[in-house]
Full PDB file with SEQRES, HELIX, SHEET, SSBOND, CRYST1, ORIGX, SCALE, CONECT and MASTER records, all heavy atoms in Angstrom:
SEQRES   1 A   37  LEU GLY PHE LEU GLY ASN GLU ALA VAL ALA VAL TYR ARG          
SEQRES   2 A   37  ILE ARG VAL GLY ARG LYS ILE GLY SER ALA ALA LEU VAL          
SEQRES   3 A   37  ALA ASP GLY LEU HIS ALA ARG THR ASP GLY PHE                  
HELIX    1 AA1 GLY A    2  ILE A   20  1                                  19    
HELIX    2 AA2 ALA A   23  GLY A   36  1                                  14    
CRYST1    1.000    1.000    1.000  90.00  90.00  90.00 P 1           1          
ORIGX1      1.000000  0.000000  0.000000        0.00000                         
ORIGX2      0.000000  1.000000  0.000000        0.00000                         
ORIGX3      0.000000  0.000000  1.000000        0.00000                         
SCALE1      1.000000  0.000000  0.000000        0.00000                         
SCALE2      0.000000  1.000000  0.000000        0.00000                         
SCALE3      0.000000  0.000000  1.000000        0.00000                         
ATOM      1  N   LEU A   1     117.123 122.292 128.376  1.00  0.00           N  
ATOM      2  CA  LEU A   1     117.083 122.809 129.745  1.00  0.00           C  
ATOM      3  C   LEU A   1     116.068 122.031 130.581  1.00  0.00           C  
ATOM      4  O   LEU A   1     116.341 121.653 131.736  1.00  0.00           O  
ATOM      5  CB  LEU A   1     116.712 124.294 129.730  1.00  0.00           C  
ATOM      6  CG  LEU A   1     116.504 124.949 131.106  1.00  0.00           C  
ATOM      7  CD1 LEU A   1     117.799 124.942 131.906  1.00  0.00           C  
ATOM      8  CD2 LEU A   1     115.987 126.381 130.942  1.00  0.00           C  
ATOM      9  N   GLY A   2     114.894 121.770 129.998  1.00  0.00           N  
ATOM     10  CA  GLY A   2     113.875 121.015 130.713  1.00  0.00           C  
ATOM     11  C   GLY A   2     114.339 119.608 131.052  1.00  0.00           C  
ATOM     12  O   GLY A   2     114.101 119.108 132.157  1.00  0.00           O  
ATOM     13  N   PHE A   3     115.022 118.976 130.102  1.00  0.00           N  
ATOM     14  CA  PHE A   3     115.523 117.620 130.343  1.00  0.00           C  
ATOM     15  C   PHE A   3     116.569 117.611 131.453  1.00  0.00           C  
ATOM     16  O   PHE A   3     116.506 116.786 132.373  1.00  0.00           O  
ATOM     17  CB  PHE A   3     116.118 117.049 129.061  1.00  0.00           C  
ATOM     18  CG  PHE A   3     116.874 115.759 129.284  1.00  0.00           C  
ATOM     19  CD1 PHE A   3     116.197 114.579 129.555  1.00  0.00           C  
ATOM     20  CD2 PHE A   3     118.259 115.741 129.239  1.00  0.00           C  
ATOM     21  CE1 PHE A   3     116.889 113.391 129.773  1.00  0.00           C  
ATOM     22  CE2 PHE A   3     118.964 114.568 129.461  1.00  0.00           C  
ATOM     23  CZ  PHE A   3     118.267 113.386 129.723  1.00  0.00           C  
ATOM     24  N   LEU A   4     117.532 118.539 131.378  1.00  0.00           N  
ATOM     25  CA  LEU A   4     118.600 118.566 132.384  1.00  0.00           C  
ATOM     26  C   LEU A   4     118.053 118.878 133.772  1.00  0.00           C  
ATOM     27  O   LEU A   4     118.461 118.261 134.764  1.00  0.00           O  
ATOM     28  CB  LEU A   4     119.653 119.607 131.986  1.00  0.00           C  
ATOM     29  CG  LEU A   4     120.458 119.292 130.712  1.00  0.00           C  
ATOM     30  CD1 LEU A   4     121.405 120.441 130.396  1.00  0.00           C  
ATOM     31  CD2 LEU A   4     121.227 117.988 130.865  1.00  0.00           C  
ATOM     32  N   GLY A   5     117.110 119.840 133.840  1.00  0.00           N  
ATOM     33  CA  GLY A   5     116.531 120.185 135.138  1.00  0.00           C  
ATOM     34  C   GLY A   5     115.767 119.017 135.754  1.00  0.00           C  
ATOM     35  O   GLY A   5     115.933 118.698 136.931  1.00  0.00           O  
ATOM     36  N   ASN A   6     114.948 118.352 134.933  1.00  0.00           N  
ATOM     37  CA  ASN A   6     114.173 117.223 135.435  1.00  0.00           C  
ATOM     38  C   ASN A   6     115.058 116.043 135.802  1.00  0.00           C  
ATOM     39  O   ASN A   6     114.811 115.363 136.811  1.00  0.00           O  
ATOM     40  CB  ASN A   6     113.148 116.785 134.385  1.00  0.00           C  
ATOM     41  CG  ASN A   6     111.876 117.602 134.441  1.00  0.00           C  
ATOM     42  OD1 ASN A   6     111.047 117.440 135.325  1.00  0.00           O  
ATOM     43  ND2 ASN A   6     111.719 118.508 133.483  1.00  0.00           N  
ATOM     44  N   GLU A   7     116.079 115.775 135.006  1.00  0.00           N  
ATOM     45  CA  GLU A   7     116.952 114.635 135.297  1.00  0.00           C  
ATOM     46  C   GLU A   7     117.747 114.877 136.575  1.00  0.00           C  
ATOM     47  O   GLU A   7     117.949 113.948 137.378  1.00  0.00           O  
ATOM     48  CB  GLU A   7     117.896 114.376 134.118  1.00  0.00           C  
ATOM     49  CG  GLU A   7     118.808 113.180 134.296  1.00  0.00           C  
ATOM     50  CD  GLU A   7     118.074 111.862 134.484  1.00  0.00           C  
ATOM     51  OE1 GLU A   7     116.882 111.776 134.121  1.00  0.00           O  
ATOM     52  OE2 GLU A   7     118.691 110.915 135.010  1.00  0.00           O  
ATOM     53  N   ALA A   8     118.201 116.117 136.783  1.00  0.00           N  
ATOM     54  CA  ALA A   8     118.927 116.430 138.016  1.00  0.00           C  
ATOM     55  C   ALA A   8     118.025 116.207 139.232  1.00  0.00           C  
ATOM     56  O   ALA A   8     118.439 115.619 140.239  1.00  0.00           O  
ATOM     57  CB  ALA A   8     119.427 117.879 137.982  1.00  0.00           C  
ATOM     58  N   VAL A   9     116.775 116.662 139.135  1.00  0.00           N  
ATOM     59  CA  VAL A   9     115.818 116.464 140.225  1.00  0.00           C  
ATOM     60  C   VAL A   9     115.523 114.980 140.410  1.00  0.00           C  
ATOM     61  O   VAL A   9     115.415 114.483 141.537  1.00  0.00           O  
ATOM     62  CB  VAL A   9     114.527 117.253 139.950  1.00  0.00           C  
ATOM     63  CG1 VAL A   9     113.402 116.807 140.877  1.00  0.00           C  
ATOM     64  CG2 VAL A   9     114.775 118.749 140.105  1.00  0.00           C  
ATOM     65  N   ALA A  10     115.398 114.238 139.289  1.00  0.00           N  
ATOM     66  CA  ALA A  10     115.114 112.806 139.362  1.00  0.00           C  
ATOM     67  C   ALA A  10     116.221 112.067 140.095  1.00  0.00           C  
ATOM     68  O   ALA A  10     115.962 111.252 140.987  1.00  0.00           O  
ATOM     69  CB  ALA A  10     114.930 112.238 137.957  1.00  0.00           C  
ATOM     70  N   VAL A  11     117.464 112.349 139.728  1.00  0.00           N  
ATOM     71  CA  VAL A  11     118.597 111.686 140.370  1.00  0.00           C  
ATOM     72  C   VAL A  11     118.629 111.983 141.860  1.00  0.00           C  
ATOM     73  O   VAL A  11     118.844 111.091 142.695  1.00  0.00           O  
ATOM     74  CB  VAL A  11     119.923 112.120 139.703  1.00  0.00           C  
ATOM     75  CG1 VAL A  11     121.123 111.634 140.508  1.00  0.00           C  
ATOM     76  CG2 VAL A  11     119.993 111.582 138.276  1.00  0.00           C  
ATOM     77  N   TYR A  12     118.361 113.238 142.214  1.00  0.00           N  
ATOM     78  CA  TYR A  12     118.402 113.648 143.622  1.00  0.00           C  
ATOM     79  C   TYR A  12     117.281 112.982 144.422  1.00  0.00           C  
ATOM     80  O   TYR A  12     117.495 112.425 145.498  1.00  0.00           O  
ATOM     81  CB  TYR A  12     118.288 115.168 143.695  1.00  0.00           C  
ATOM     82  CG  TYR A  12     118.327 115.736 145.103  1.00  0.00           C  
ATOM     83  CD1 TYR A  12     119.308 115.345 146.009  1.00  0.00           C  
ATOM     84  CD2 TYR A  12     117.378 116.663 145.517  1.00  0.00           C  
ATOM     85  CE1 TYR A  12     119.341 115.873 147.289  1.00  0.00           C  
ATOM     86  CE2 TYR A  12     117.411 117.197 146.793  1.00  0.00           C  
ATOM     87  CZ  TYR A  12     118.394 116.795 147.675  1.00  0.00           C  
ATOM     88  OH  TYR A  12     118.422 117.308 148.943  1.00  0.00           O  
ATOM     89  N   ARG A  13     116.059 113.019 143.882  1.00  0.00           N  
ATOM     90  CA  ARG A  13     114.932 112.409 144.587  1.00  0.00           C  
ATOM     91  C   ARG A  13     115.129 110.900 144.756  1.00  0.00           C  
ATOM     92  O   ARG A  13     114.866 110.351 145.829  1.00  0.00           O  
ATOM     93  CB  ARG A  13     113.632 112.668 143.829  1.00  0.00           C  
ATOM     94  CG  ARG A  13     113.089 114.078 143.967  1.00  0.00           C  
ATOM     95  CD  ARG A  13     111.819 114.228 143.138  1.00  0.00           C  
ATOM     96  NE  ARG A  13     111.209 115.552 143.286  1.00  0.00           N  
ATOM     97  CZ  ARG A  13     110.169 115.973 142.582  1.00  0.00           C  
ATOM     98  NH1 ARG A  13     109.626 115.175 141.684  1.00  0.00           N  
ATOM     99  NH2 ARG A  13     109.667 117.191 142.778  1.00  0.00           N  
ATOM    100  N   ILE A  14     115.575 110.243 143.692  1.00  0.00           N  
ATOM    101  CA  ILE A  14     115.761 108.793 143.758  1.00  0.00           C  
ATOM    102  C   ILE A  14     116.854 108.444 144.769  1.00  0.00           C  
ATOM    103  O   ILE A  14     116.720 107.498 145.546  1.00  0.00           O  
ATOM    104  CB  ILE A  14     116.097 108.234 142.359  1.00  0.00           C  
ATOM    105  CG1 ILE A  14     114.861 108.335 141.449  1.00  0.00           C  
ATOM    106  CG2 ILE A  14     116.573 106.781 142.451  1.00  0.00           C  
ATOM    107  CD1 ILE A  14     115.136 107.997 139.999  1.00  0.00           C  
ATOM    108  N   ARG A  15     117.943 109.219 144.765  1.00  0.00           N  
ATOM    109  CA  ARG A  15     119.047 108.938 145.695  1.00  0.00           C  
ATOM    110  C   ARG A  15     118.585 109.086 147.143  1.00  0.00           C  
ATOM    111  O   ARG A  15     118.840 108.209 147.975  1.00  0.00           O  
ATOM    112  CB  ARG A  15     120.221 109.878 145.419  1.00  0.00           C  
ATOM    113  CG  ARG A  15     121.408 109.677 146.364  1.00  0.00           C  
ATOM    114  CD  ARG A  15     122.590 110.515 145.946  1.00  0.00           C  
ATOM    115  NE  ARG A  15     122.297 111.937 145.992  1.00  0.00           N  
ATOM    116  CZ  ARG A  15     122.345 112.674 147.102  1.00  0.00           C  
ATOM    117  NH1 ARG A  15     122.646 112.109 148.262  1.00  0.00           N  
ATOM    118  NH2 ARG A  15     122.086 113.966 147.066  1.00  0.00           N  
ATOM    119  N   VAL A  16     117.881 110.173 147.450  1.00  0.00           N  
ATOM    120  CA  VAL A  16     117.403 110.378 148.817  1.00  0.00           C  
ATOM    121  C   VAL A  16     116.329 109.348 149.160  1.00  0.00           C  
ATOM    122  O   VAL A  16     116.292 108.818 150.275  1.00  0.00           O  
ATOM    123  CB  VAL A  16     116.858 111.809 149.004  1.00  0.00           C  
ATOM    124  CG1 VAL A  16     116.249 111.979 150.390  1.00  0.00           C  
ATOM    125  CG2 VAL A  16     117.970 112.833 148.793  1.00  0.00           C  
ATOM    126  N   GLY A  17     115.454 109.035 148.196  1.00  0.00           N  
ATOM    127  CA  GLY A  17     114.413 108.049 148.433  1.00  0.00           C  
ATOM    128  C   GLY A  17     114.975 106.690 148.788  1.00  0.00           C  
ATOM    129  O   GLY A  17     114.490 106.010 149.700  1.00  0.00           O  
ATOM    130  N   ARG A  18     116.026 106.279 148.082  1.00  0.00           N  
ATOM    131  CA  ARG A  18     116.681 105.013 148.408  1.00  0.00           C  
ATOM    132  C   ARG A  18     117.314 105.074 149.789  1.00  0.00           C  
ATOM    133  O   ARG A  18     117.243 104.124 150.571  1.00  0.00           O  
ATOM    134  CB  ARG A  18     117.766 104.701 147.381  1.00  0.00           C  
ATOM    135  CG  ARG A  18     117.271 104.328 145.998  1.00  0.00           C  
ATOM    136  CD  ARG A  18     118.472 104.162 145.101  1.00  0.00           C  
ATOM    137  NE  ARG A  18     118.093 103.871 143.733  1.00  0.00           N  
ATOM    138  CZ  ARG A  18     118.954 103.907 142.717  1.00  0.00           C  
ATOM    139  NH1 ARG A  18     120.220 104.244 142.952  1.00  0.00           N  
ATOM    140  NH2 ARG A  18     118.560 103.608 141.499  1.00  0.00           N  
ATOM    141  N   LYS A  19     117.945 106.198 150.082  1.00  0.00           N  
ATOM    142  CA  LYS A  19     118.676 106.318 151.348  1.00  0.00           C  
ATOM    143  C   LYS A  19     117.749 106.192 152.551  1.00  0.00           C  
ATOM    144  O   LYS A  19     118.072 105.510 153.526  1.00  0.00           O  
ATOM    145  CB  LYS A  19     119.407 107.660 151.390  1.00  0.00           C  
ATOM    146  CG  LYS A  19     120.215 107.872 152.665  1.00  0.00           C  
ATOM    147  CD  LYS A  19     120.913 109.225 152.657  1.00  0.00           C  
ATOM    148  CE  LYS A  19     121.682 109.443 153.963  1.00  0.00           C  
ATOM    149  NZ  LYS A  19     122.315 110.772 154.016  1.00  0.00           N  
ATOM    150  N   ILE A  20     116.583 106.845 152.476  1.00  0.00           N  
ATOM    151  CA  ILE A  20     115.681 106.814 153.630  1.00  0.00           C  
ATOM    152  C   ILE A  20     114.641 105.710 153.520  1.00  0.00           C  
ATOM    153  O   ILE A  20     113.837 105.528 154.424  1.00  0.00           O  
ATOM    154  CB  ILE A  20     114.975 108.173 153.817  1.00  0.00           C  
ATOM    155  CG1 ILE A  20     113.991 108.461 152.675  1.00  0.00           C  
ATOM    156  CG2 ILE A  20     115.994 109.296 153.958  1.00  0.00           C  
ATOM    157  CD1 ILE A  20     113.164 109.712 152.884  1.00  0.00           C  
ATOM    158  N   GLY A  21     114.649 104.956 152.405  1.00  0.00           N  
ATOM    159  CA  GLY A  21     113.718 103.847 152.250  1.00  0.00           C  
ATOM    160  C   GLY A  21     112.326 104.259 151.832  1.00  0.00           C  
ATOM    161  O   GLY A  21     111.350 103.593 152.161  1.00  0.00           O  
ATOM    162  N   SER A  22     112.183 105.374 151.091  1.00  0.00           N  
ATOM    163  CA  SER A  22     110.872 105.879 150.687  1.00  0.00           C  
ATOM    164  C   SER A  22     110.565 105.509 149.239  1.00  0.00           C  
ATOM    165  O   SER A  22     111.122 106.091 148.309  1.00  0.00           O  
ATOM    166  CB  SER A  22     110.815 107.401 150.857  1.00  0.00           C  
ATOM    167  OG  SER A  22     109.613 107.911 150.324  1.00  0.00           O  
ATOM    168  N   ALA A  23     109.654 104.551 149.045  1.00  0.00           N  
ATOM    169  CA  ALA A  23     109.251 104.173 147.695  1.00  0.00           C  
ATOM    170  C   ALA A  23     108.517 105.322 147.007  1.00  0.00           C  
ATOM    171  O   ALA A  23     108.611 105.493 145.789  1.00  0.00           O  
ATOM    172  CB  ALA A  23     108.365 102.930 147.742  1.00  0.00           C  
ATOM    173  N   ALA A  24     107.772 106.117 147.788  1.00  0.00           N  
ATOM    174  CA  ALA A  24     107.022 107.230 147.212  1.00  0.00           C  
ATOM    175  C   ALA A  24     107.964 108.306 146.661  1.00  0.00           C  
ATOM    176  O   ALA A  24     107.720 108.866 145.592  1.00  0.00           O  
ATOM    177  CB  ALA A  24     106.088 107.840 148.254  1.00  0.00           C  
ATOM    178  N   LEU A  25     109.044 108.602 147.384  1.00  0.00           N  
ATOM    179  CA  LEU A  25     109.993 109.609 146.919  1.00  0.00           C  
ATOM    180  C   LEU A  25     110.745 109.108 145.682  1.00  0.00           C  
ATOM    181  O   LEU A  25     111.024 109.882 144.759  1.00  0.00           O  
ATOM    182  CB  LEU A  25     110.986 109.970 148.028  1.00  0.00           C  
ATOM    183  CG  LEU A  25     111.935 111.136 147.747  1.00  0.00           C  
ATOM    184  CD1 LEU A  25     111.167 112.384 147.334  1.00  0.00           C  
ATOM    185  CD2 LEU A  25     112.801 111.428 148.964  1.00  0.00           C  
ATOM    186  N   VAL A  26     111.050 107.813 145.633  1.00  0.00           N  
ATOM    187  CA  VAL A  26     111.667 107.238 144.433  1.00  0.00           C  
ATOM    188  C   VAL A  26     110.700 107.360 143.258  1.00  0.00           C  
ATOM    189  O   VAL A  26     111.095 107.729 142.138  1.00  0.00           O  
ATOM    190  CB  VAL A  26     112.050 105.765 144.666  1.00  0.00           C  
ATOM    191  CG1 VAL A  26     112.480 105.113 143.344  1.00  0.00           C  
ATOM    192  CG2 VAL A  26     113.183 105.666 145.682  1.00  0.00           C  
ATOM    193  N   ALA A  27     109.411 107.073 143.491  1.00  0.00           N  
ATOM    194  CA  ALA A  27     108.414 107.203 142.429  1.00  0.00           C  
ATOM    195  C   ALA A  27     108.307 108.645 141.951  1.00  0.00           C  
ATOM    196  O   ALA A  27     108.146 108.906 140.755  1.00  0.00           O  
ATOM    197  CB  ALA A  27     107.054 106.713 142.927  1.00  0.00           C  
ATOM    198  N   ASP A  28     108.416 109.600 142.883  1.00  0.00           N  
ATOM    199  CA  ASP A  28     108.370 111.010 142.498  1.00  0.00           C  
ATOM    200  C   ASP A  28     109.595 111.366 141.650  1.00  0.00           C  
ATOM    201  O   ASP A  28     109.506 112.178 140.719  1.00  0.00           O  
ATOM    202  CB  ASP A  28     108.311 111.882 143.750  1.00  0.00           C  
ATOM    203  CG  ASP A  28     107.665 113.232 143.485  1.00  0.00           C  
ATOM    204  OD1 ASP A  28     106.903 113.331 142.496  1.00  0.00           O  
ATOM    205  OD2 ASP A  28     107.903 114.178 144.245  1.00  0.00           O  
ATOM    206  N   GLY A  29     110.738 110.757 141.962  1.00  0.00           N  
ATOM    207  CA  GLY A  29     111.920 110.955 141.125  1.00  0.00           C  
ATOM    208  C   GLY A  29     111.712 110.394 139.731  1.00  0.00           C  
ATOM    209  O   GLY A  29     112.108 111.004 138.730  1.00  0.00           O  
ATOM    210  N   LEU A  30     111.082 109.232 139.649  1.00  0.00           N  
ATOM    211  CA  LEU A  30     110.787 108.646 138.338  1.00  0.00           C  
ATOM    212  C   LEU A  30     109.804 109.518 137.558  1.00  0.00           C  
ATOM    213  O   LEU A  30     109.883 109.610 136.330  1.00  0.00           O  
ATOM    214  CB  LEU A  30     110.226 107.242 138.519  1.00  0.00           C  
ATOM    215  CG  LEU A  30     111.206 106.198 139.064  1.00  0.00           C  
ATOM    216  CD1 LEU A  30     110.491 104.877 139.320  1.00  0.00           C  
ATOM    217  CD2 LEU A  30     112.365 105.987 138.099  1.00  0.00           C  
ATOM    218  N   HIS A  31     108.891 110.162 138.286  1.00  0.00           N  
ATOM    219  CA  HIS A  31     107.961 111.080 137.625  1.00  0.00           C  
ATOM    220  C   HIS A  31     108.723 112.248 136.989  1.00  0.00           C  
ATOM    221  O   HIS A  31     108.453 112.652 135.851  1.00  0.00           O  
ATOM    222  CB  HIS A  31     106.943 111.601 138.638  1.00  0.00           C  
ATOM    223  CG  HIS A  31     105.898 112.485 138.033  1.00  0.00           C  
ATOM    224  ND1 HIS A  31     105.275 113.489 138.729  1.00  0.00           N  
ATOM    225  CD2 HIS A  31     105.391 112.531 136.780  1.00  0.00           C  
ATOM    226  CE1 HIS A  31     104.415 114.114 137.940  1.00  0.00           C  
ATOM    227  NE2 HIS A  31     104.464 113.550 136.755  1.00  0.00           N  
ATOM    228  N   ALA A  32     109.689 112.799 137.735  1.00  0.00           N  
ATOM    229  CA  ALA A  32     110.510 113.874 137.169  1.00  0.00           C  
ATOM    230  C   ALA A  32     111.264 113.382 135.937  1.00  0.00           C  
ATOM    231  O   ALA A  32     111.434 114.113 134.955  1.00  0.00           O  
ATOM    232  CB  ALA A  32     111.491 114.389 138.226  1.00  0.00           C  
ATOM    233  N   ARG A  33     111.703 112.123 135.980  1.00  0.00           N  
ATOM    234  CA  ARG A  33     112.424 111.562 134.830  1.00  0.00           C  
ATOM    235  C   ARG A  33     111.528 111.466 133.602  1.00  0.00           C  
ATOM    236  O   ARG A  33     111.958 111.737 132.478  1.00  0.00           O  
ATOM    237  CB  ARG A  33     112.988 110.195 135.200  1.00  0.00           C  
ATOM    238  CG  ARG A  33     113.739 109.493 134.096  1.00  0.00           C  
ATOM    239  CD  ARG A  33     114.657 108.436 134.659  1.00  0.00           C  
ATOM    240  NE  ARG A  33     115.830 109.045 135.281  1.00  0.00           N  
ATOM    241  CZ  ARG A  33     116.636 108.416 136.127  1.00  0.00           C  
ATOM    242  NH1 ARG A  33     116.380 107.165 136.478  1.00  0.00           N  
ATOM    243  NH2 ARG A  33     117.686 109.028 136.627  1.00  0.00           N  
ATOM    244  N   THR A  34     110.259 111.085 133.793  1.00  0.00           N  
ATOM    245  CA  THR A  34     109.344 111.016 132.643  1.00  0.00           C  
ATOM    246  C   THR A  34     109.126 112.400 132.047  1.00  0.00           C  
ATOM    247  O   THR A  34     109.025 112.552 130.826  1.00  0.00           O  
ATOM    248  CB  THR A  34     107.978 110.436 133.062  1.00  0.00           C  
ATOM    249  OG1 THR A  34     107.360 111.282 134.025  1.00  0.00           O  
ATOM    250  CG2 THR A  34     108.134 109.039 133.635  1.00  0.00           C  
ATOM    251  N   ASP A  35     109.054 113.431 132.891  1.00  0.00           N  
ATOM    252  CA  ASP A  35     108.905 114.787 132.374  1.00  0.00           C  
ATOM    253  C   ASP A  35     110.159 115.225 131.630  1.00  0.00           C  
ATOM    254  O   ASP A  35     110.100 115.994 130.661  1.00  0.00           O  
ATOM    255  CB  ASP A  35     108.608 115.762 133.514  1.00  0.00           C  
ATOM    256  CG  ASP A  35     107.179 115.613 134.032  1.00  0.00           C  
ATOM    257  OD1 ASP A  35     106.402 114.906 133.371  1.00  0.00           O  
ATOM    258  OD2 ASP A  35     106.861 116.188 135.064  1.00  0.00           O  
ATOM    259  N   GLY A  36     111.313 114.725 132.086  1.00  0.00           N  
ATOM    260  CA  GLY A  36     112.551 115.000 131.356  1.00  0.00           C  
ATOM    261  C   GLY A  36     112.517 114.393 129.970  1.00  0.00           C  
ATOM    262  O   GLY A  36     112.984 114.995 128.990  1.00  0.00           O  
ATOM    263  N   PHE A  37     111.940 113.194 129.875  1.00  0.00           N  
ATOM    264  CA  PHE A  37     111.802 112.555 128.566  1.00  0.00           C  
ATOM    265  C   PHE A  37     110.922 113.395 127.642  1.00  0.00           C  
ATOM    266  O   PHE A  37     111.186 113.525 126.444  1.00  0.00           O  
ATOM    267  CB  PHE A  37     111.169 111.163 128.719  1.00  0.00           C  
ATOM    268  CG  PHE A  37     112.091 110.137 129.342  1.00  0.00           C  
ATOM    269  CD1 PHE A  37     111.567 109.005 129.947  1.00  0.00           C  
ATOM    270  CD2 PHE A  37     113.461 110.299 129.319  1.00  0.00           C  
ATOM    271  CE1 PHE A  37     112.399 108.059 130.519  1.00  0.00           C  
ATOM    272  CE2 PHE A  37     114.307 109.364 129.890  1.00  0.00           C  
ATOM    273  CZ  PHE A  37     113.774 108.239 130.489  1.00  0.00           C  
TER     274      PHE A  37                                                      
MASTER        0    0    0    2    0    0    0    6  273    1    0    3          
END                                                                             
């Protein structure tokens, strides 16, 4: 459950971060991905 929740958040943050050009939001998505790991 923790992995799926974090990965879903990671994908969403990274997608929005790329769309608006925010490196910080992409990094926050990667942070969620590490917690998923």
